Amino acid sequence: MRPDWWVALKVRLGLAYEFIGLGDSFSISVSCKQGHVTLTGAVRNEYRQCRAEEVAWRIRGVTDITNRLDVREGPRIGRKTHAAVAIWPVPPFLQVPVEEFTQQEQAVEQAVLRTLHQRGVPTGPGGARARVLERTVYLLGTAPDKKTAQMAAEATLALPQVDRVRSKLHLGSRGGNMRALPGATETRT
């Protein structure tokens, strides 16, 4: 078993590397006790919240994760930005252009939401939401039950513009007793 300080350090380094690629500054604290990692702080959107957890799971020695990251929605940027992380200055020659929320990704997001709405899946505040990065759709928010969550993932994967679905739907209703559904990933074969 890896020491807790080592696991926490590797998670921090993984997050720094990941968020440089996304062109973000971030404020995430990492603590570890007997392999149980706790992520606290703030990120710009739910996609980054999911990515932070996925990065932590990739580190050897992590046995469990508590994700307490707050989502502070930032403005959608339709132009190119440059990577910069608050923990150290990035020289201009290392800055990587990142294009966020292309028109194609926004169109896929709208198609997913229309499909979910047609299938009777609650969307919008208190329901399911979708974020798209390249050809991967992240289903976020809540679903009334496990069957609806599974149907939402299958309906999304059936769209021709989607190659992969990463479901982070919680079960329950807004304000009610919610429990997280294990992160399911479905890929087009």
C-alpha atoms as a PDB file:
ATOM      1  CA  MET A   1       0.000   0.000   0.000  1.00  0.00           C
ATOM      2  CA  ARG A   2       1.264   3.478  -0.890  1.00  0.00           C
ATOM      3  CA  PRO A   3       1.754   6.132   1.792  1.00  0.00           C
ATOM      4  CA  ASP A   4      -1.031   8.724   1.985  1.00  0.00           C
ATOM      5  CA  TRP A   5       1.306  11.645   1.261  1.00  0.00           C
ATOM      6  CA  TRP A   6       2.447   9.897  -1.933  1.00  0.00           C
ATOM      7  CA  VAL A   7      -1.117   9.230  -3.123  1.00  0.00           C
ATOM      8  CA  ALA A   8      -2.164  12.851  -2.411  1.00  0.00           C
ATOM      9  CA  LEU A   9       0.902  14.189  -4.242  1.00  0.00           C
ATOM     10  CA  LYS A  10       0.285  11.982  -7.292  1.00  0.00           C
ATOM     11  CA  VAL A  11      -3.381  13.077  -7.407  1.00  0.00           C
ATOM     12  CA  ARG A  12      -2.321  16.763  -7.218  1.00  0.00           C
ATOM     13  CA  LEU A  13       0.197  16.279 -10.032  1.00  0.00           C
ATOM     14  CA  GLY A  14      -2.369  14.422 -12.140  1.00  0.00           C
ATOM     15  CA  LEU A  15      -4.896  17.227 -11.630  1.00  0.00           C
ATOM     16  CA  ALA A  16      -2.339  19.893 -12.553  1.00  0.00           C
ATOM     17  CA  TYR A  17      -1.448  18.018 -15.736  1.00  0.00           C
ATOM     18  CA  GLU A  18      -5.111  17.455 -16.644  1.00  0.00           C
ATOM     19  CA  PHE A  19      -6.224  21.030 -16.029  1.00  0.00           C
ATOM     20  CA  ILE A  20      -3.285  22.497 -17.985  1.00  0.00           C
ATOM     21  CA  GLY A  21      -4.628  20.546 -20.981  1.00  0.00           C
ATOM     22  CA  LEU A  22      -8.095  22.033 -20.421  1.00  0.00           C
ATOM     23  CA  GLY A  23      -6.754  25.578 -20.266  1.00  0.00           C
ATOM     24  CA  ASP A  24      -7.945  26.173 -16.718  1.00  0.00           C
ATOM     25  CA  SER A  25      -6.785  27.592 -13.471  1.00  0.00           C
ATOM     26  CA  PHE A  26      -8.262  25.648 -10.589  1.00  0.00           C
ATOM     27  CA  SER A  27      -8.564  25.530  -6.831  1.00  0.00           C
ATOM     28  CA  ILE A  28      -8.667  21.925  -5.626  1.00  0.00           C
ATOM     29  CA  SER A  29      -7.426  20.597  -2.295  1.00  0.00           C
ATOM     30  CA  VAL A  30      -6.548  16.929  -2.019  1.00  0.00           C
ATOM     31  CA  SER A  31      -6.401  14.956   1.205  1.00  0.00           C
ATOM     32  CA  CYS A  32      -5.817  11.244   1.665  1.00  0.00           C
ATOM     33  CA  LYS A  33      -6.284   8.889   4.592  1.00  0.00           C
ATOM     34  CA  GLN A  34      -5.676   5.153   4.145  1.00  0.00           C
ATOM     35  CA  GLY A  35      -6.205   5.434   0.391  1.00  0.00           C
ATOM     36  CA  HIS A  36      -9.481   7.384   0.713  1.00  0.00           C
ATOM     37  CA  VAL A  37      -9.037  10.585  -1.312  1.00  0.00           C
ATOM     38  CA  THR A  38     -11.165  13.679  -0.646  1.00  0.00           C
ATOM     39  CA  LEU A  39     -11.342  16.391  -3.308  1.00  0.00           C
ATOM     40  CA  THR A  40     -12.531  19.815  -2.122  1.00  0.00           C
ATOM     41  CA  GLY A  41     -12.592  23.202  -3.804  1.00  0.00           C
ATOM     42  CA  ALA A  42     -14.170  24.689  -6.890  1.00  0.00           C
ATOM     43  CA  VAL A  43     -14.145  23.916 -10.606  1.00  0.00           C
ATOM     44  CA  ARG A  44     -15.701  25.737 -13.538  1.00  0.00           C
ATOM     45  CA  ASN A  45     -18.238  23.131 -14.678  1.00  0.00           C
ATOM     46  CA  GLU A  46     -19.499  19.598 -14.109  1.00  0.00           C
ATOM     47  CA  TYR A  47     -17.309  18.156 -16.833  1.00  0.00           C
ATOM     48  CA  ARG A  48     -14.228  19.269 -14.911  1.00  0.00           C
ATOM     49  CA  GLN A  49     -15.753  17.896 -11.712  1.00  0.00           C
ATOM     50  CA  CYS A  50     -16.041  14.476 -13.395  1.00  0.00           C
ATOM     51  CA  ARG A  51     -12.551  14.721 -14.891  1.00  0.00           C
ATOM     52  CA  ALA A  52     -11.019  15.492 -11.485  1.00  0.00           C
ATOM     53  CA  GLU A  53     -12.544  12.312 -10.055  1.00  0.00           C
ATOM     54  CA  GLU A  54     -11.437  10.247 -13.056  1.00  0.00           C
ATOM     55  CA  VAL A  55      -7.873  11.536 -12.699  1.00  0.00           C
ATOM     56  CA  ALA A  56      -7.833  10.565  -9.022  1.00  0.00           C
ATOM     57  CA  TRP A  57      -9.090   7.045  -9.793  1.00  0.00           C
ATOM     58  CA  ARG A  58      -6.140   6.506 -12.148  1.00  0.00           C
ATOM     59  CA  ILE A  59      -3.621   6.853  -9.307  1.00  0.00           C
ATOM     60  CA  ARG A  60      -2.343   3.613  -7.809  1.00  0.00           C
ATOM     61  CA  GLY A  61      -3.214   3.395  -4.115  1.00  0.00           C
ATOM     62  CA  VAL A  62      -6.589   5.158  -4.328  1.00  0.00           C
ATOM     63  CA  THR A  63      -9.254   2.950  -2.740  1.00  0.00           C
ATOM     64  CA  ASP A  64     -12.167   5.403  -2.504  1.00  0.00           C
ATOM     65  CA  ILE A  65     -12.973   8.992  -3.468  1.00  0.00           C
ATOM     66  CA  THR A  66     -15.207  11.628  -1.922  1.00  0.00           C
ATOM     67  CA  ASN A  67     -15.839  14.358  -4.477  1.00  0.00           C
ATOM     68  CA  ARG A  68     -16.800  17.585  -2.679  1.00  0.00           C
ATOM     69  CA  LEU A  69     -15.969  19.885  -5.562  1.00  0.00           C
ATOM     70  CA  ASP A  70     -18.304  22.842  -6.008  1.00  0.00           C
ATOM     71  CA  VAL A  71     -19.300  23.738  -9.531  1.00  0.00           C
ATOM     72  CA  ARG A  72     -19.088  27.424 -10.274  1.00  0.00           C
ATOM     73  CA  GLU A  73     -20.388  27.768 -13.813  1.00  0.00           C
ATOM     74  CA  GLY A  74     -18.122  29.977 -15.853  1.00  0.00           C
ATOM     75  CA  PRO A  75     -19.007  31.688 -19.097  1.00  0.00           C
ATOM     76  CA  ARG A  76     -19.042  29.527 -22.199  1.00  0.00           C
ATOM     77  CA  ILE A  77     -16.167  30.552 -24.363  1.00  0.00           C
ATOM     78  CA  GLY A  78     -16.461  30.046 -28.078  1.00  0.00           C
ATOM     79  CA  ARG A  79     -12.967  31.191 -28.940  1.00  0.00           C
ATOM     80  CA  LYS A  80      -9.494  29.839 -28.385  1.00  0.00           C
ATOM     81  CA  THR A  81      -7.893  30.348 -24.995  1.00  0.00           C
ATOM     82  CA  HIS A  82      -4.454  29.525 -23.666  1.00  0.00           C
ATOM     83  CA  ALA A  83      -3.569  27.129 -20.885  1.00  0.00           C
ATOM     84  CA  ALA A  84      -2.484  28.611 -17.585  1.00  0.00           C
ATOM     85  CA  VAL A  85      -2.563  27.028 -14.146  1.00  0.00           C
ATOM     86  CA  ALA A  86      -2.544  29.131 -11.003  1.00  0.00           C
ATOM     87  CA  ILE A  87       0.032  26.959  -9.221  1.00  0.00           C
ATOM     88  CA  TRP A  88       2.933  28.130 -11.406  1.00  0.00           C
ATOM     89  CA  PRO A  89       3.444  30.505 -14.349  1.00  0.00           C
ATOM     90  CA  VAL A  90       3.398  28.831 -17.747  1.00  0.00           C
ATOM     91  CA  PRO A  91       5.869  30.288 -20.256  1.00  0.00           C
ATOM     92  CA  PRO A  92       4.253  31.445 -23.534  1.00  0.00           C
ATOM     93  CA  PHE A  93       6.002  28.745 -25.573  1.00  0.00           C
ATOM     94  CA  LEU A  94       4.306  26.048 -23.449  1.00  0.00           C
ATOM     95  CA  GLN A  95       0.812  27.493 -23.711  1.00  0.00           C
ATOM     96  CA  VAL A  96      -1.473  25.153 -25.614  1.00  0.00           C
ATOM     97  CA  PRO A  97      -4.418  26.535 -27.603  1.00  0.00           C
ATOM     98  CA  VAL A  98      -7.654  24.962 -26.411  1.00  0.00           C
ATOM     99  CA  GLU A  99     -10.976  25.388 -28.204  1.00  0.00           C
ATOM    100  CA  GLU A 100     -13.984  24.983 -25.939  1.00  0.00           C
ATOM    101  CA  PHE A 101     -17.608  24.348 -26.734  1.00  0.00           C
ATOM    102  CA  THR A 102     -17.450  24.297 -30.494  1.00  0.00           C
ATOM    103  CA  GLN A 103     -20.667  24.805 -32.424  1.00  0.00           C
ATOM    104  CA  GLN A 104     -20.697  21.094 -33.268  1.00  0.00           C
ATOM    105  CA  GLU A 105     -20.471  20.150 -29.572  1.00  0.00           C
ATOM    106  CA  GLN A 106     -23.298  22.561 -28.747  1.00  0.00           C
ATOM    107  CA  ALA A 107     -25.421  21.014 -31.523  1.00  0.00           C
ATOM    108  CA  VAL A 108     -24.760  17.506 -30.164  1.00  0.00           C
ATOM    109  CA  GLU A 109     -25.669  18.687 -26.656  1.00  0.00           C
ATOM    110  CA  GLN A 110     -29.000  20.041 -27.943  1.00  0.00           C
ATOM    111  CA  ALA A 111     -29.673  16.801 -29.864  1.00  0.00           C
ATOM    112  CA  VAL A 112     -29.021  14.759 -26.701  1.00  0.00           C
ATOM    113  CA  LEU A 113     -31.369  16.923 -24.630  1.00  0.00           C
ATOM    114  CA  ARG A 114     -34.103  16.709 -27.298  1.00  0.00           C
ATOM    115  CA  THR A 115     -33.742  12.919 -27.425  1.00  0.00           C
ATOM    116  CA  LEU A 116     -33.914  12.604 -23.639  1.00  0.00           C
ATOM    117  CA  HIS A 117     -36.960  14.872 -23.488  1.00  0.00           C
ATOM    118  CA  GLN A 118     -38.717  12.818 -26.209  1.00  0.00           C
ATOM    119  CA  ARG A 119     -38.034   9.643 -24.222  1.00  0.00           C
ATOM    120  CA  GLY A 120     -39.593  11.150 -21.088  1.00  0.00           C
ATOM    121  CA  VAL A 121     -36.356  11.769 -19.175  1.00  0.00           C
ATOM    122  CA  PRO A 122     -36.634  14.951 -17.078  1.00  0.00           C
ATOM    123  CA  THR A 123     -34.124  17.545 -18.330  1.00  0.00           C
ATOM    124  CA  GLY A 124     -33.087  20.992 -17.186  1.00  0.00           C
ATOM    125  CA  PRO A 125     -32.808  22.135 -13.551  1.00  0.00           C
ATOM    126  CA  GLY A 126     -33.362  19.170 -11.256  1.00  0.00           C
ATOM    127  CA  GLY A 127     -33.172  16.704 -14.166  1.00  0.00           C
ATOM    128  CA  ALA A 128     -30.599  15.334 -16.562  1.00  0.00           C
ATOM    129  CA  ARG A 129     -28.091  17.591 -18.287  1.00  0.00           C
ATOM    130  CA  ALA A 130     -25.498  16.840 -20.936  1.00  0.00           C
ATOM    131  CA  ARG A 131     -21.995  18.118 -21.631  1.00  0.00           C
ATOM    132  CA  VAL A 132     -20.108  17.176 -24.782  1.00  0.00           C
ATOM    133  CA  LEU A 133     -16.380  17.035 -25.350  1.00  0.00           C
ATOM    134  CA  GLU A 134     -15.381  15.856 -28.800  1.00  0.00           C
ATOM    135  CA  ARG A 135     -17.622  12.788 -29.341  1.00  0.00           C
ATOM    136  CA  THR A 136     -18.041  11.889 -25.648  1.00  0.00           C
ATOM    137  CA  VAL A 137     -21.251  12.877 -23.850  1.00  0.00           C
ATOM    138  CA  TYR A 138     -21.246  13.365 -20.069  1.00  0.00           C
ATOM    139  CA  LEU A 139     -24.722  12.838 -18.578  1.00  0.00           C
ATOM    140  CA  LEU A 140     -25.004  14.858 -15.379  1.00  0.00           C
ATOM    141  CA  GLY A 141     -27.720  15.801 -12.910  1.00  0.00           C
ATOM    142  CA  THR A 142     -30.471  13.505 -11.644  1.00  0.00           C
ATOM    143  CA  ALA A 143     -32.673  10.721 -12.944  1.00  0.00           C
ATOM    144  CA  PRO A 144     -35.785   9.418 -11.133  1.00  0.00           C
ATOM    145  CA  ASP A 145     -34.613   5.798 -11.096  1.00  0.00           C
ATOM    146  CA  LYS A 146     -31.948   3.394 -12.341  1.00  0.00           C
ATOM    147  CA  LYS A 147     -34.049   2.255 -15.310  1.00  0.00           C
ATOM    148  CA  THR A 148     -34.458   5.837 -16.548  1.00  0.00           C
ATOM    149  CA  ALA A 149     -30.719   6.501 -16.121  1.00  0.00           C
ATOM    150  CA  GLN A 150     -29.867   3.396 -18.159  1.00  0.00           C
ATOM    151  CA  MET A 151     -32.405   4.328 -20.846  1.00  0.00           C
ATOM    152  CA  ALA A 152     -30.913   7.850 -21.032  1.00  0.00           C
ATOM    153  CA  ALA A 153     -27.420   6.425 -21.606  1.00  0.00           C
ATOM    154  CA  GLU A 154     -28.663   3.997 -24.284  1.00  0.00           C
ATOM    155  CA  ALA A 155     -30.703   6.682 -26.079  1.00  0.00           C
ATOM    156  CA  THR A 156     -27.701   9.013 -26.073  1.00  0.00           C
ATOM    157  CA  LEU A 157     -25.365   6.337 -27.414  1.00  0.00           C
ATOM    158  CA  ALA A 158     -27.838   5.642 -30.239  1.00  0.00           C
ATOM    159  CA  LEU A 159     -27.210   9.115 -31.681  1.00  0.00           C
ATOM    160  CA  PRO A 160     -24.840   8.957 -34.672  1.00  0.00           C
ATOM    161  CA  GLN A 161     -22.744  11.907 -33.415  1.00  0.00           C
ATOM    162  CA  VAL A 162     -21.874  10.119 -30.140  1.00  0.00           C
ATOM    163  CA  ASP A 163     -19.109   7.543 -29.700  1.00  0.00           C
ATOM    164  CA  ARG A 164     -19.046   7.320 -25.901  1.00  0.00           C
ATOM    165  CA  VAL A 165     -21.349   8.104 -22.986  1.00  0.00           C
ATOM    166  CA  ARG A 166     -20.092   8.757 -19.464  1.00  0.00           C
ATOM    167  CA  SER A 167     -23.048   8.706 -17.076  1.00  0.00           C
ATOM    168  CA  LYS A 168     -22.715  10.630 -13.796  1.00  0.00           C
ATOM    169  CA  LEU A 169     -26.462  10.731 -13.110  1.00  0.00           C
ATOM    170  CA  HIS A 170     -27.630  10.666  -9.501  1.00  0.00           C
ATOM    171  CA  LEU A 171     -30.787   8.799  -8.581  1.00  0.00           C
ATOM    172  CA  GLY A 172     -33.626  10.605  -6.835  1.00  0.00           C
ATOM    173  CA  SER A 173     -35.319  13.958  -7.120  1.00  0.00           C
ATOM    174  CA  ARG A 174     -33.910  17.380  -6.470  1.00  0.00           C
ATOM    175  CA  GLY A 175     -34.051  18.163  -2.785  1.00  0.00           C
ATOM    176  CA  GLY A 176     -34.841  14.535  -1.998  1.00  0.00           C
ATOM    177  CA  ASN A 177     -32.625  11.697  -0.914  1.00  0.00           C
ATOM    178  CA  MET A 178     -30.156  11.263  -3.769  1.00  0.00           C
ATOM    179  CA  ARG A 179     -27.581   8.565  -4.156  1.00  0.00           C
ATOM    180  CA  ALA A 180     -24.880   8.413  -6.759  1.00  0.00           C
ATOM    181  CA  LEU A 181     -25.063   5.809  -9.480  1.00  0.00           C
ATOM    182  CA  PRO A 182     -21.684   4.191 -10.102  1.00  0.00           C
ATOM    183  CA  GLY A 183     -20.067   5.986 -13.040  1.00  0.00           C
ATOM    184  CA  ALA A 184     -21.053   3.945 -16.070  1.00  0.00           C
ATOM    185  CA  THR A 185     -19.319   4.274 -19.379  1.00  0.00           C
ATOM    186  CA  GLU A 186     -20.788   2.958 -22.594  1.00  0.00           C
ATOM    187  CA  THR A 187     -18.912   2.928 -25.885  1.00  0.00           C
ATOM    188  CA  ARG A 188     -20.213   2.393 -29.400  1.00  0.00           C
ATOM    189  CA  THR A 189     -18.954  -0.920 -30.757  1.00  0.00           C
END
